Amino acid sequence: MKFPAHSLDSQRYTETFEVFVNRSHEYDAVIDQLVNVTGCCPPNYSCLDIGAGTGKVILDWQSRGTPLPQRYVAIEPFADHIRSLRDTLTDLEVESELIEAKFTPDFRITERFDLIVLSHSCYWLTNPIQCLLNADKQLNANGKLIAILQSPIGGYPFFQLFNPYLDRDTPIGPDHGFSSFELVNGLREAGLDPILDIESSWMDLTGLFTEDATRERDEFISFLLQVEFSKISEPLKSDAVTYLRGACIEIDSKLVWHHPTASVQLNATKPF
């Protein structure tokens, strides 16, 4: 049996994502992964950021004392994000180029980079495996590509559990059914040797299941499933709440949902 569901539009994605972020403690793990990989880059390294977003990530990444790249190229499909990113880079005073476009498997890149970053942007790519194979070709000798995305633990199994029962009125935007598991195995099938790392991170869901937090809870689950959860029919709605609550444990008076984040790294594999 399938249940009618209204997929989120871009505005609702932004609104529900903010609710998700406010409960998340994974962001520090993301920055840690970027700091670690940057430490392996040569001085005056060049960086390609695919799905760069608003600039918050690079700003926080550099605030940790990480050296700025000599050249920074960002590919970002959303005009509002490009504007915010441009302002951020002006403050950082780094040589940069911003490309307003969606990265695809046949996107033409005309230069090579020491570091290529995809921070939680794989979900938005059409055929992310082929997209990474395209990006991998643009690494300099000893260059590194790092993709940071969800692991198959936490939000991923929750999405996989309920998504088959959702009869969406429009196609889903980001693919919340894509994780490091699919990425690693797809890259291996293509003959590459990805390096997988999983950093412990978590969601603080304390108080989310109380009666006065119903709206926030529904917004949180809306982001996980990419639907207007408050409009989902019973019994699917109550089942989703029960399973999410059941995935949490109490630690030091907090209700914690284990939600680790993964990084998948490729090292340059071609001779120069």
C-alpha atoms as a PDB file:
ATOM      1  CA  MET A   1       0.000   0.000   0.000  1.00  0.00           C
ATOM      2  CA  LYS A   2       1.274   3.460  -0.925  1.00  0.00           C
ATOM      3  CA  PHE A   3       0.385   6.728   0.771  1.00  0.00           C
ATOM      4  CA  PRO A   4      -0.085  10.018  -1.128  1.00  0.00           C
ATOM      5  CA  ALA A   5       2.831  12.384  -0.460  1.00  0.00           C
ATOM      6  CA  HIS A   6       3.699  15.917  -1.545  1.00  0.00           C
ATOM      7  CA  SER A   7       7.413  16.263  -2.328  1.00  0.00           C
ATOM      8  CA  LEU A   8       9.211  19.327  -0.995  1.00  0.00           C
ATOM      9  CA  ASP A   9       9.916  22.241  -3.313  1.00  0.00           C
ATOM     10  CA  SER A  10      13.155  24.239  -3.059  1.00  0.00           C
ATOM     11  CA  GLN A  11      11.745  26.673  -0.501  1.00  0.00           C
ATOM     12  CA  ARG A  12      10.448  23.927   1.739  1.00  0.00           C
ATOM     13  CA  TYR A  13      13.736  22.064   1.384  1.00  0.00           C
ATOM     14  CA  THR A  14      15.533  25.117   2.749  1.00  0.00           C
ATOM     15  CA  GLU A  15      13.085  25.501   5.634  1.00  0.00           C
ATOM     16  CA  THR A  16      13.179  21.858   6.716  1.00  0.00           C
ATOM     17  CA  PHE A  17      16.954  21.675   6.271  1.00  0.00           C
ATOM     18  CA  GLU A  18      17.310  24.490   8.808  1.00  0.00           C
ATOM     19  CA  VAL A  19      15.327  22.429  11.339  1.00  0.00           C
ATOM     20  CA  PHE A  20      17.550  19.429  10.614  1.00  0.00           C
ATOM     21  CA  VAL A  21      20.762  21.455  11.002  1.00  0.00           C
ATOM     22  CA  ASN A  22      19.615  22.915  14.321  1.00  0.00           C
ATOM     23  CA  ARG A  23      19.454  19.382  15.729  1.00  0.00           C
ATOM     24  CA  SER A  24      22.683  18.163  14.121  1.00  0.00           C
ATOM     25  CA  HIS A  25      26.138  17.788  15.645  1.00  0.00           C
ATOM     26  CA  GLU A  26      27.743  16.443  12.466  1.00  0.00           C
ATOM     27  CA  TYR A  27      29.039  19.761  11.122  1.00  0.00           C
ATOM     28  CA  ASP A  28      32.253  19.686  13.170  1.00  0.00           C
ATOM     29  CA  ALA A  29      32.990  16.238  11.738  1.00  0.00           C
ATOM     30  CA  VAL A  30      32.600  17.628   8.215  1.00  0.00           C
ATOM     31  CA  ILE A  31      35.057  20.446   8.898  1.00  0.00           C
ATOM     32  CA  ASP A  32      37.471  18.004  10.558  1.00  0.00           C
ATOM     33  CA  GLN A  33      37.492  15.851   7.425  1.00  0.00           C
ATOM     34  CA  LEU A  34      38.215  18.860   5.209  1.00  0.00           C
ATOM     35  CA  VAL A  35      40.969  20.108   7.499  1.00  0.00           C
ATOM     36  CA  ASN A  36      42.620  16.668   7.504  1.00  0.00           C
ATOM     37  CA  VAL A  37      42.663  16.309   3.720  1.00  0.00           C
ATOM     38  CA  THR A  38      43.902  19.880   3.221  1.00  0.00           C
ATOM     39  CA  GLY A  39      46.876  19.071   5.423  1.00  0.00           C
ATOM     40  CA  CYS A  40      48.052  16.654   2.717  1.00  0.00           C
ATOM     41  CA  CYS A  41      47.915  19.285  -0.040  1.00  0.00           C
ATOM     42  CA  PRO A  42      51.009  21.097  -1.342  1.00  0.00           C
ATOM     43  CA  PRO A  43      51.584  24.778  -0.542  1.00  0.00           C
ATOM     44  CA  ASN A  44      49.623  27.092  -2.821  1.00  0.00           C
ATOM     45  CA  TYR A  45      47.252  24.287  -3.743  1.00  0.00           C
ATOM     46  CA  SER A  46      44.328  24.689  -6.133  1.00  0.00           C
ATOM     47  CA  CYS A  47      40.793  23.604  -5.172  1.00  0.00           C
ATOM     48  CA  LEU A  48      37.644  22.731  -7.100  1.00  0.00           C
ATOM     49  CA  ASP A  49      34.492  22.807  -4.961  1.00  0.00           C
ATOM     50  CA  ILE A  50      31.561  20.998  -6.604  1.00  0.00           C
ATOM     51  CA  GLY A  51      28.238  22.061  -5.101  1.00  0.00           C
ATOM     52  CA  ALA A  52      29.918  24.799  -3.091  1.00  0.00           C
ATOM     53  CA  GLY A  53      26.734  26.176  -1.523  1.00  0.00           C
ATOM     54  CA  THR A  54      26.669  29.570   0.170  1.00  0.00           C
ATOM     55  CA  GLY A  55      30.288  29.684   1.301  1.00  0.00           C
ATOM     56  CA  LYS A  56      29.623  28.707   4.927  1.00  0.00           C
ATOM     57  CA  VAL A  57      31.676  25.530   4.594  1.00  0.00           C
ATOM     58  CA  ILE A  58      34.762  27.172   3.114  1.00  0.00           C
ATOM     59  CA  LEU A  59      34.519  30.016   5.628  1.00  0.00           C
ATOM     60  CA  ASP A  60      34.407  27.668   8.623  1.00  0.00           C
ATOM     61  CA  TRP A  61      36.981  25.393   7.022  1.00  0.00           C
ATOM     62  CA  GLN A  62      39.440  28.265   6.651  1.00  0.00           C
ATOM     63  CA  SER A  63      38.659  29.645  10.125  1.00  0.00           C
ATOM     64  CA  ARG A  64      40.323  26.522  11.531  1.00  0.00           C
ATOM     65  CA  GLY A  65      43.681  27.845  10.331  1.00  0.00           C
ATOM     66  CA  THR A  66      43.728  25.851   7.108  1.00  0.00           C
ATOM     67  CA  PRO A  67      45.777  27.583   4.397  1.00  0.00           C
ATOM     68  CA  LEU A  68      43.689  29.178   1.675  1.00  0.00           C
ATOM     69  CA  PRO A  69      44.051  27.685  -1.796  1.00  0.00           C
ATOM     70  CA  GLN A  70      46.010  29.738  -4.280  1.00  0.00           C
ATOM     71  CA  ARG A  71      43.115  29.244  -6.680  1.00  0.00           C
ATOM     72  CA  TYR A  72      39.550  28.288  -5.795  1.00  0.00           C
ATOM     73  CA  VAL A  73      36.967  27.296  -8.416  1.00  0.00           C
ATOM     74  CA  ALA A  74      33.375  26.678  -7.352  1.00  0.00           C
ATOM     75  CA  ILE A  75      30.591  25.013  -9.325  1.00  0.00           C
ATOM     76  CA  GLU A  76      27.154  25.774  -7.879  1.00  0.00           C
ATOM     77  CA  PRO A  77      23.766  25.561  -9.657  1.00  0.00           C
ATOM     78  CA  PHE A  78      21.768  27.949  -7.436  1.00  0.00           C
ATOM     79  CA  ALA A  79      22.035  31.672  -8.156  1.00  0.00           C
ATOM     80  CA  ASP A  80      21.286  32.711  -4.550  1.00  0.00           C
ATOM     81  CA  HIS A  81      24.122  30.512  -3.317  1.00  0.00           C
ATOM     82  CA  ILE A  82      26.482  31.965  -5.914  1.00  0.00           C
ATOM     83  CA  ARG A  83      25.745  35.474  -4.637  1.00  0.00           C
ATOM     84  CA  SER A  84      26.434  34.490  -1.029  1.00  0.00           C
ATOM     85  CA  LEU A  85      29.555  32.604  -2.033  1.00  0.00           C
ATOM     86  CA  ARG A  86      30.876  35.611  -3.946  1.00  0.00           C
ATOM     87  CA  ASP A  87      30.503  37.792  -0.837  1.00  0.00           C
ATOM     88  CA  THR A  88      32.304  35.198   1.279  1.00  0.00           C
ATOM     89  CA  LEU A  89      35.204  34.920  -1.132  1.00  0.00           C
ATOM     90  CA  THR A  90      35.547  38.698  -1.317  1.00  0.00           C
ATOM     91  CA  ASP A  91      36.186  38.706   2.413  1.00  0.00           C
ATOM     92  CA  LEU A  92      38.697  35.858   2.091  1.00  0.00           C
ATOM     93  CA  GLU A  93      40.638  37.578  -0.684  1.00  0.00           C
ATOM     94  CA  VAL A  94      41.416  34.414  -2.651  1.00  0.00           C
ATOM     95  CA  GLU A  95      41.762  34.081  -6.420  1.00  0.00           C
ATOM     96  CA  SER A  96      38.486  32.499  -7.428  1.00  0.00           C
ATOM     97  CA  GLU A  97      36.146  31.605 -10.242  1.00  0.00           C
ATOM     98  CA  LEU A  98      32.449  30.914  -9.690  1.00  0.00           C
ATOM     99  CA  ILE A  99      30.550  28.821 -12.218  1.00  0.00           C
ATOM    100  CA  GLU A 100      26.760  28.821 -12.005  1.00  0.00           C
ATOM    101  CA  ALA A 101      25.975  25.386 -13.404  1.00  0.00           C
ATOM    102  CA  LYS A 102      24.982  21.868 -12.481  1.00  0.00           C
ATOM    103  CA  PHE A 103      27.885  19.438 -12.488  1.00  0.00           C
ATOM    104  CA  THR A 104      27.241  16.470 -14.776  1.00  0.00           C
ATOM    105  CA  PRO A 105      29.166  13.394 -15.957  1.00  0.00           C
ATOM    106  CA  ASP A 106      30.136  15.245 -19.146  1.00  0.00           C
ATOM    107  CA  PHE A 107      30.775  18.662 -17.580  1.00  0.00           C
ATOM    108  CA  ARG A 108      33.911  20.052 -19.225  1.00  0.00           C
ATOM    109  CA  ILE A 109      36.659  21.128 -16.842  1.00  0.00           C
ATOM    110  CA  THR A 110      39.588  22.901 -18.443  1.00  0.00           C
ATOM    111  CA  GLU A 111      42.172  22.767 -15.654  1.00  0.00           C
ATOM    112  CA  ARG A 112      43.560  20.394 -13.063  1.00  0.00           C
ATOM    113  CA  PHE A 113      43.391  20.669  -9.282  1.00  0.00           C
ATOM    114  CA  ASP A 114      45.277  19.515  -6.224  1.00  0.00           C
ATOM    115  CA  LEU A 115      42.049  19.124  -4.252  1.00  0.00           C
ATOM    116  CA  ILE A 116      38.477  18.460  -5.382  1.00  0.00           C
ATOM    117  CA  VAL A 117      35.734  18.707  -2.753  1.00  0.00           C
ATOM    118  CA  LEU A 118      32.113  17.565  -2.766  1.00  0.00           C
ATOM    119  CA  SER A 119      30.590  18.358   0.623  1.00  0.00           C
ATOM    120  CA  HIS A 120      27.078  16.879   0.886  1.00  0.00           C
ATOM    121  CA  SER A 121      26.450  17.630  -2.792  1.00  0.00           C
ATOM    122  CA  CYS A 122      26.381  14.067  -4.162  1.00  0.00           C
ATOM    123  CA  TYR A 123      22.637  13.793  -3.433  1.00  0.00           C
ATOM    124  CA  TRP A 124      21.940  16.488  -6.030  1.00  0.00           C
ATOM    125  CA  LEU A 125      23.999  14.953  -8.836  1.00  0.00           C
ATOM    126  CA  THR A 126      22.537  13.013 -11.727  1.00  0.00           C
ATOM    127  CA  ASN A 127      24.541   9.780 -11.730  1.00  0.00           C
ATOM    128  CA  PRO A 128      26.984  10.706  -8.949  1.00  0.00           C
ATOM    129  CA  ILE A 129      29.344   7.815  -9.740  1.00  0.00           C
ATOM    130  CA  GLN A 130      29.935   9.077 -13.273  1.00  0.00           C
ATOM    131  CA  CYS A 131      30.200  12.633 -11.973  1.00  0.00           C
ATOM    132  CA  LEU A 132      33.018  11.632  -9.629  1.00  0.00           C
ATOM    133  CA  LEU A 133      34.758   9.706 -12.394  1.00  0.00           C
ATOM    134  CA  ASN A 134      34.629  12.903 -14.462  1.00  0.00           C
ATOM    135  CA  ALA A 135      36.021  14.973 -11.592  1.00  0.00           C
ATOM    136  CA  ASP A 136      38.725  12.418 -10.805  1.00  0.00           C
ATOM    137  CA  LYS A 137      40.222  12.955 -14.264  1.00  0.00           C
ATOM    138  CA  GLN A 138      41.010  16.546 -13.306  1.00  0.00           C
ATOM    139  CA  LEU A 139      43.304  15.785 -10.375  1.00  0.00           C
ATOM    140  CA  ASN A 140      46.921  16.812 -10.517  1.00  0.00           C
ATOM    141  CA  ALA A 141      49.598  14.240  -9.769  1.00  0.00           C
ATOM    142  CA  ASN A 142      49.271  13.419  -6.049  1.00  0.00           C
ATOM    143  CA  GLY A 143      45.938  15.275  -6.031  1.00  0.00           C
ATOM    144  CA  LYS A 144      43.029  14.213  -3.847  1.00  0.00           C
ATOM    145  CA  LEU A 145      39.262  14.147  -4.230  1.00  0.00           C
ATOM    146  CA  ILE A 146      37.085  14.002  -1.135  1.00  0.00           C
ATOM    147  CA  ALA A 147      33.331  13.502  -1.098  1.00  0.00           C
ATOM    148  CA  ILE A 148      31.584  14.001   2.234  1.00  0.00           C
ATOM    149  CA  LEU A 149      28.106  12.530   2.501  1.00  0.00           C
ATOM    150  CA  GLN A 150      25.817  10.502   4.699  1.00  0.00           C
ATOM    151  CA  SER A 151      26.845   7.031   5.763  1.00  0.00           C
ATOM    152  CA  PRO A 152      24.348   4.143   5.507  1.00  0.00           C
ATOM    153  CA  ILE A 153      23.645   4.650   9.222  1.00  0.00           C
ATOM    154  CA  GLY A 154      21.143   7.121  10.656  1.00  0.00           C
ATOM    155  CA  GLY A 155      18.928   8.982   8.195  1.00  0.00           C
ATOM    156  CA  TYR A 156      19.673   6.641   5.286  1.00  0.00           C
ATOM    157  CA  PRO A 157      17.936   3.497   6.617  1.00  0.00           C
ATOM    158  CA  PHE A 158      15.015   5.605   7.823  1.00  0.00           C
ATOM    159  CA  PHE A 159      14.551   6.955   4.275  1.00  0.00           C
ATOM    160  CA  GLN A 160      14.960   3.495   2.735  1.00  0.00           C
ATOM    161  CA  LEU A 161      12.380   2.058   5.117  1.00  0.00           C
ATOM    162  CA  PHE A 162       9.577   4.487   4.295  1.00  0.00           C
ATOM    163  CA  ASN A 163      10.306   5.789   0.797  1.00  0.00           C
ATOM    164  CA  PRO A 164       8.851   2.705  -0.988  1.00  0.00           C
ATOM    165  CA  TYR A 165       5.482   3.488   0.613  1.00  0.00           C
ATOM    166  CA  LEU A 166       5.323   7.117  -0.542  1.00  0.00           C
ATOM    167  CA  ASP A 167       3.312   7.908  -3.672  1.00  0.00           C
ATOM    168  CA  ARG A 168       4.950  11.242  -4.508  1.00  0.00           C
ATOM    169  CA  ASP A 169       3.109  13.838  -6.555  1.00  0.00           C
ATOM    170  CA  THR A 170       6.395  15.129  -8.017  1.00  0.00           C
ATOM    171  CA  PRO A 171       9.860  13.555  -8.333  1.00  0.00           C
ATOM    172  CA  ILE A 172      12.152  13.890  -5.345  1.00  0.00           C
ATOM    173  CA  GLY A 173      14.873  16.583  -5.470  1.00  0.00           C
ATOM    174  CA  PRO A 174      17.942  15.410  -3.549  1.00  0.00           C
ATOM    175  CA  ASP A 175      18.452  11.640  -3.392  1.00  0.00           C
ATOM    176  CA  HIS A 176      18.386  10.768   0.305  1.00  0.00           C
ATOM    177  CA  GLY A 177      18.723   7.124  -0.718  1.00  0.00           C
ATOM    178  CA  PHE A 178      22.342   7.673  -1.790  1.00  0.00           C
ATOM    179  CA  SER A 179      25.115   7.128   0.743  1.00  0.00           C
ATOM    180  CA  SER A 180      28.798   6.313   1.038  1.00  0.00           C
ATOM    181  CA  PHE A 181      27.873   2.638   0.578  1.00  0.00           C
ATOM    182  CA  GLU A 182      26.598   3.157  -2.980  1.00  0.00           C
ATOM    183  CA  LEU A 183      29.391   5.591  -3.779  1.00  0.00           C
ATOM    184  CA  VAL A 184      32.227   3.326  -2.638  1.00  0.00           C
ATOM    185  CA  ASN A 185      30.866   0.267  -4.420  1.00  0.00           C
ATOM    186  CA  GLY A 186      30.178   2.203  -7.617  1.00  0.00           C
ATOM    187  CA  LEU A 187      33.728   3.555  -7.668  1.00  0.00           C
ATOM    188  CA  ARG A 188      35.143   0.079  -7.051  1.00  0.00           C
ATOM    189  CA  GLU A 189      33.114  -1.303  -9.921  1.00  0.00           C
ATOM    190  CA  ALA A 190      34.685   1.414 -12.090  1.00  0.00           C
ATOM    191  CA  GLY A 191      38.146   0.130 -11.147  1.00  0.00           C
ATOM    192  CA  LEU A 192      39.076   2.787  -8.582  1.00  0.00           C
ATOM    193  CA  ASP A 193      40.257   2.267  -5.018  1.00  0.00           C
ATOM    194  CA  PRO A 194      38.340   4.692  -2.769  1.00  0.00           C
ATOM    195  CA  ILE A 195      39.317   5.258   0.853  1.00  0.00           C
ATOM    196  CA  LEU A 196      36.341   5.229   3.217  1.00  0.00           C
ATOM    197  CA  ASP A 197      36.248   6.917   6.606  1.00  0.00           C
ATOM    198  CA  ILE A 198      33.291   7.318   8.948  1.00  0.00           C
ATOM    199  CA  GLU A 199      33.299   9.999  11.634  1.00  0.00           C
ATOM    200  CA  SER A 200      31.021   9.676  14.640  1.00  0.00           C
ATOM    201  CA  SER A 201      28.367  12.365  14.777  1.00  0.00           C
ATOM    202  CA  TRP A 202      24.870  12.609  16.161  1.00  0.00           C
ATOM    203  CA  MET A 203      21.528  14.372  16.340  1.00  0.00           C
ATOM    204  CA  ASP A 204      20.200  15.776  19.589  1.00  0.00           C
ATOM    205  CA  LEU A 205      16.492  14.918  19.466  1.00  0.00           C
ATOM    206  CA  THR A 206      15.826  15.803  23.095  1.00  0.00           C
ATOM    207  CA  GLY A 207      12.245  17.009  23.464  1.00  0.00           C
ATOM    208  CA  LEU A 208      11.397  16.390  19.809  1.00  0.00           C
ATOM    209  CA  PHE A 209       8.734  13.813  20.611  1.00  0.00           C
ATOM    210  CA  THR A 210       6.796  15.868  23.137  1.00  0.00           C
ATOM    211  CA  GLU A 211       3.357  17.183  22.244  1.00  0.00           C
ATOM    212  CA  ASP A 212       4.465  20.822  22.087  1.00  0.00           C
ATOM    213  CA  ALA A 213       7.243  19.933  19.600  1.00  0.00           C
ATOM    214  CA  THR A 214       4.955  18.265  17.057  1.00  0.00           C
ATOM    215  CA  ARG A 215       5.515  20.907  14.381  1.00  0.00           C
ATOM    216  CA  GLU A 216       9.310  20.758  14.712  1.00  0.00           C
ATOM    217  CA  ARG A 217       9.193  16.959  14.673  1.00  0.00           C
ATOM    218  CA  ASP A 218       7.140  16.978  11.486  1.00  0.00           C
ATOM    219  CA  GLU A 219       9.555  19.438   9.853  1.00  0.00           C
ATOM    220  CA  PHE A 220      12.520  17.285  10.875  1.00  0.00           C
ATOM    221  CA  ILE A 221      10.964  14.145   9.380  1.00  0.00           C
ATOM    222  CA  SER A 222       9.883  16.142   6.315  1.00  0.00           C
ATOM    223  CA  PHE A 223      13.557  16.769   5.595  1.00  0.00           C
ATOM    224  CA  LEU A 224      14.486  13.117   6.134  1.00  0.00           C
ATOM    225  CA  LEU A 225      11.815  11.852   3.746  1.00  0.00           C
ATOM    226  CA  GLN A 226      11.617  14.938   1.480  1.00  0.00           C
ATOM    227  CA  VAL A 227       7.830  15.135   1.777  1.00  0.00           C
ATOM    228  CA  GLU A 228       5.290  17.222   3.680  1.00  0.00           C
ATOM    229  CA  PHE A 229       5.201  14.822   6.591  1.00  0.00           C
ATOM    230  CA  SER A 230       2.383  16.587   8.462  1.00  0.00           C
ATOM    231  CA  LYS A 231       0.052  15.662   5.574  1.00  0.00           C
ATOM    232  CA  ILE A 232       0.950  11.953   5.475  1.00  0.00           C
ATOM    233  CA  SER A 233      -1.918   9.603   6.362  1.00  0.00           C
ATOM    234  CA  GLU A 234      -2.018   7.177   9.255  1.00  0.00           C
ATOM    235  CA  PRO A 235      -0.756   4.581  10.014  1.00  0.00           C
ATOM    236  CA  LEU A 236       2.433   5.426   8.077  1.00  0.00           C
ATOM    237  CA  LYS A 237       2.836   8.701   9.924  1.00  0.00           C
ATOM    238  CA  SER A 238       2.675   7.185  13.403  1.00  0.00           C
ATOM    239  CA  ASP A 239       4.944   4.316  12.315  1.00  0.00           C
ATOM    240  CA  ALA A 240       7.608   6.771  11.135  1.00  0.00           C
ATOM    241  CA  VAL A 241       7.532   8.645  14.445  1.00  0.00           C
ATOM    242  CA  THR A 242       7.715   5.384  16.410  1.00  0.00           C
ATOM    243  CA  TYR A 243      10.692   4.061  14.440  1.00  0.00           C
ATOM    244  CA  LEU A 244      12.597   7.335  14.655  1.00  0.00           C
ATOM    245  CA  ARG A 245      12.026   7.511  18.409  1.00  0.00           C
ATOM    246  CA  GLY A 246      13.055   3.869  18.720  1.00  0.00           C
ATOM    247  CA  ALA A 247      16.374   4.571  16.970  1.00  0.00           C
ATOM    248  CA  CYS A 248      17.379   6.991  19.742  1.00  0.00           C
ATOM    249  CA  ILE A 249      19.068   6.288  23.048  1.00  0.00           C
ATOM    250  CA  GLU A 250      19.261   8.400  26.197  1.00  0.00           C
ATOM    251  CA  ILE A 251      22.740   9.624  27.175  1.00  0.00           C
ATOM    252  CA  ASP A 252      23.280  12.114  30.000  1.00  0.00           C
ATOM    253  CA  SER A 253      19.645  13.254  29.896  1.00  0.00           C
ATOM    254  CA  LYS A 254      19.811  13.761  26.123  1.00  0.00           C
ATOM    255  CA  LEU A 255      17.944  11.807  23.472  1.00  0.00           C
ATOM    256  CA  VAL A 256      20.602  10.948  20.908  1.00  0.00           C
ATOM    257  CA  TRP A 257      20.257   9.583  17.383  1.00  0.00           C
ATOM    258  CA  HIS A 258      23.529   8.189  16.017  1.00  0.00           C
ATOM    259  CA  HIS A 259      24.050   9.843  12.636  1.00  0.00           C
ATOM    260  CA  PRO A 260      27.682   9.384  11.516  1.00  0.00           C
ATOM    261  CA  THR A 261      29.017  11.190   8.467  1.00  0.00           C
ATOM    262  CA  ALA A 262      31.278   9.558   5.875  1.00  0.00           C
ATOM    263  CA  SER A 263      34.094  10.699   3.648  1.00  0.00           C
ATOM    264  CA  VAL A 264      35.167   8.939   0.472  1.00  0.00           C
ATOM    265  CA  GLN A 265      38.588   9.863  -0.851  1.00  0.00           C
ATOM    266  CA  LEU A 266      40.253   9.235  -4.202  1.00  0.00           C
ATOM    267  CA  ASN A 267      43.928   9.730  -4.850  1.00  0.00           C
ATOM    268  CA  ALA A 268      45.167  10.624  -8.330  1.00  0.00           C
ATOM    269  CA  THR A 269      45.610   7.344 -10.198  1.00  0.00           C
ATOM    270  CA  LYS A 270      47.009   8.406 -13.558  1.00  0.00           C
ATOM    271  CA  PRO A 271      50.615   9.035 -14.584  1.00  0.00           C
ATOM    272  CA  PHE A 272      51.763  12.533 -15.551  1.00  0.00           C
END
